[in-house]
């Protein structure tokens, strides 16, 4: 067996598990604060953010949600403008 993880990989921790090489213990951190801090660091250094966090994906999500609400309200299929 290569390894097995005991706790979920989708929660907020603490992340613990074992592998064939031993125990895994990761520190408990505030995920959102860490992410915001790293984004701020990139912006303060005048670097370009990766596309996945520039807001472009958020705009796509909003367009999808708007189409869902429109379809639910009208009972008809709705196109998503890209």
C-alpha atoms as a PDB file:
ATOM      1  CA  UNK A   1       0.000   0.000   0.000  1.00  0.00           C
ATOM      2  CA  UNK A   2       1.431   3.389  -1.016  1.00  0.00           C
ATOM      3  CA  UNK A   3      -0.444   5.296   1.668  1.00  0.00           C
ATOM      4  CA  UNK A   4      -3.758   6.243   3.130  1.00  0.00           C
ATOM      5  CA  UNK A   5      -5.189   9.494   4.365  1.00  0.00           C
ATOM      6  CA  UNK A   6      -7.237   9.431   7.535  1.00  0.00           C
ATOM      7  CA  UNK A   7      -8.884  12.850   7.452  1.00  0.00           C
ATOM      8  CA  UNK A   8     -10.710  14.602   4.643  1.00  0.00           C
ATOM      9  CA  UNK A   9      -8.867  16.778   2.168  1.00  0.00           C
ATOM     10  CA  UNK A  10     -11.751  19.209   1.784  1.00  0.00           C
ATOM     11  CA  UNK A  11     -12.187  20.576   5.284  1.00  0.00           C
ATOM     12  CA  UNK A  12     -10.350  23.217   7.251  1.00  0.00           C
ATOM     13  CA  UNK A  13      -8.133  20.866   9.183  1.00  0.00           C
ATOM     14  CA  UNK A  14      -6.368  19.785  11.121  1.00  0.00           C
ATOM     15  CA  UNK A  15      -5.043  17.584   8.351  1.00  0.00           C
ATOM     16  CA  UNK A  16      -3.576  14.347   9.621  1.00  0.00           C
ATOM     17  CA  UNK A  17      -2.857  11.053   7.991  1.00  0.00           C
ATOM     18  CA  UNK A  18      -0.378   8.323   7.403  1.00  0.00           C
ATOM     19  CA  UNK A  19       1.598   7.052   4.485  1.00  0.00           C
ATOM     20  CA  UNK A  20       3.915   4.123   4.046  1.00  0.00           C
ATOM     21  CA  UNK A  21       6.682   6.546   5.082  1.00  0.00           C
ATOM     22  CA  UNK A  22       5.041   7.571   8.343  1.00  0.00           C
ATOM     23  CA  UNK A  23       2.653  10.056   9.897  1.00  0.00           C
ATOM     24  CA  UNK A  24       1.569  13.325   8.289  1.00  0.00           C
ATOM     25  CA  UNK A  25       0.664  16.323  10.436  1.00  0.00           C
ATOM     26  CA  UNK A  26       0.001  19.715   8.928  1.00  0.00           C
ATOM     27  CA  UNK A  27      -0.419  22.933  10.920  1.00  0.00           C
ATOM     28  CA  UNK A  28      -3.911  24.319  11.456  1.00  0.00           C
ATOM     29  CA  UNK A  29      -4.147  27.650   9.639  1.00  0.00           C
ATOM     30  CA  UNK A  30      -6.880  30.072   8.673  1.00  0.00           C
ATOM     31  CA  UNK A  31      -7.235  29.172   4.993  1.00  0.00           C
ATOM     32  CA  UNK A  32      -8.966  32.407   3.948  1.00  0.00           C
ATOM     33  CA  UNK A  33      -6.519  34.682   5.788  1.00  0.00           C
ATOM     34  CA  UNK A  34      -3.576  32.837   4.253  1.00  0.00           C
ATOM     35  CA  UNK A  35      -5.044  33.094   0.766  1.00  0.00           C
ATOM     36  CA  UNK A  36      -5.846  36.807   1.140  1.00  0.00           C
ATOM     37  CA  UNK A  37      -2.361  37.468   2.508  1.00  0.00           C
ATOM     38  CA  UNK A  38      -0.706  35.751  -0.431  1.00  0.00           C
ATOM     39  CA  UNK A  39      -2.886  37.623  -2.926  1.00  0.00           C
ATOM     40  CA  UNK A  40      -2.053  40.928  -1.222  1.00  0.00           C
ATOM     41  CA  UNK A  41       1.641  40.098  -1.378  1.00  0.00           C
ATOM     42  CA  UNK A  42       1.441  39.531  -5.152  1.00  0.00           C
ATOM     43  CA  UNK A  43      -0.433  42.811  -5.645  1.00  0.00           C
ATOM     44  CA  UNK A  44       1.976  44.795  -3.464  1.00  0.00           C
ATOM     45  CA  UNK A  45       4.891  43.437  -5.494  1.00  0.00           C
ATOM     46  CA  UNK A  46       3.148  44.635  -8.703  1.00  0.00           C
ATOM     47  CA  UNK A  47       3.009  41.101 -10.045  1.00  0.00           C
ATOM     48  CA  UNK A  48       0.220  39.648 -12.159  1.00  0.00           C
ATOM     49  CA  UNK A  49      -2.281  37.377 -10.455  1.00  0.00           C
ATOM     50  CA  UNK A  50      -2.954  33.960 -11.994  1.00  0.00           C
ATOM     51  CA  UNK A  51      -6.105  33.899 -14.159  1.00  0.00           C
ATOM     52  CA  UNK A  52      -7.877  31.641 -11.691  1.00  0.00           C
ATOM     53  CA  UNK A  53      -7.977  34.433  -9.083  1.00  0.00           C
ATOM     54  CA  UNK A  54      -8.278  37.636 -11.121  1.00  0.00           C
ATOM     55  CA  UNK A  55     -12.050  37.671 -10.938  1.00  0.00           C
ATOM     56  CA  UNK A  56     -12.593  36.284 -14.426  1.00  0.00           C
ATOM     57  CA  UNK A  57     -13.771  32.966 -12.997  1.00  0.00           C
ATOM     58  CA  UNK A  58     -16.061  34.828 -10.592  1.00  0.00           C
ATOM     59  CA  UNK A  59     -17.650  36.711 -13.484  1.00  0.00           C
ATOM     60  CA  UNK A  60     -18.300  33.394 -15.237  1.00  0.00           C
ATOM     61  CA  UNK A  61     -19.895  32.034 -12.056  1.00  0.00           C
ATOM     62  CA  UNK A  62     -22.171  35.086 -11.775  1.00  0.00           C
ATOM     63  CA  UNK A  63     -23.274  34.712 -15.415  1.00  0.00           C
ATOM     64  CA  UNK A  64     -24.175  31.083 -14.742  1.00  0.00           C
ATOM     65  CA  UNK A  65     -26.129  32.008 -11.610  1.00  0.00           C
ATOM     66  CA  UNK A  66     -27.978  34.776 -13.466  1.00  0.00           C
ATOM     67  CA  UNK A  67     -28.939  32.295 -16.189  1.00  0.00           C
ATOM     68  CA  UNK A  68     -30.185  29.828 -13.584  1.00  0.00           C
ATOM     69  CA  UNK A  69     -32.378  32.490 -11.949  1.00  0.00           C
ATOM     70  CA  UNK A  70     -33.681  33.658 -15.327  1.00  0.00           C
ATOM     71  CA  UNK A  71     -34.535  30.094 -16.391  1.00  0.00           C
ATOM     72  CA  UNK A  72     -36.201  29.411 -13.059  1.00  0.00           C
ATOM     73  CA  UNK A  73     -38.239  32.605 -13.361  1.00  0.00           C
ATOM     74  CA  UNK A  74     -39.347  32.110 -16.945  1.00  0.00           C
ATOM     75  CA  UNK A  75     -39.433  28.323 -17.111  1.00  0.00           C
ATOM     76  CA  UNK A  76     -37.465  28.499 -20.362  1.00  0.00           C
ATOM     77  CA  UNK A  77     -33.927  27.637 -21.422  1.00  0.00           C
ATOM     78  CA  UNK A  78     -31.507  30.523 -21.093  1.00  0.00           C
ATOM     79  CA  UNK A  79     -28.307  31.187 -22.980  1.00  0.00           C
ATOM     80  CA  UNK A  80     -25.128  32.123 -21.165  1.00  0.00           C
ATOM     81  CA  UNK A  81     -23.225  34.960 -22.819  1.00  0.00           C
ATOM     82  CA  UNK A  82     -19.487  34.409 -22.768  1.00  0.00           C
END
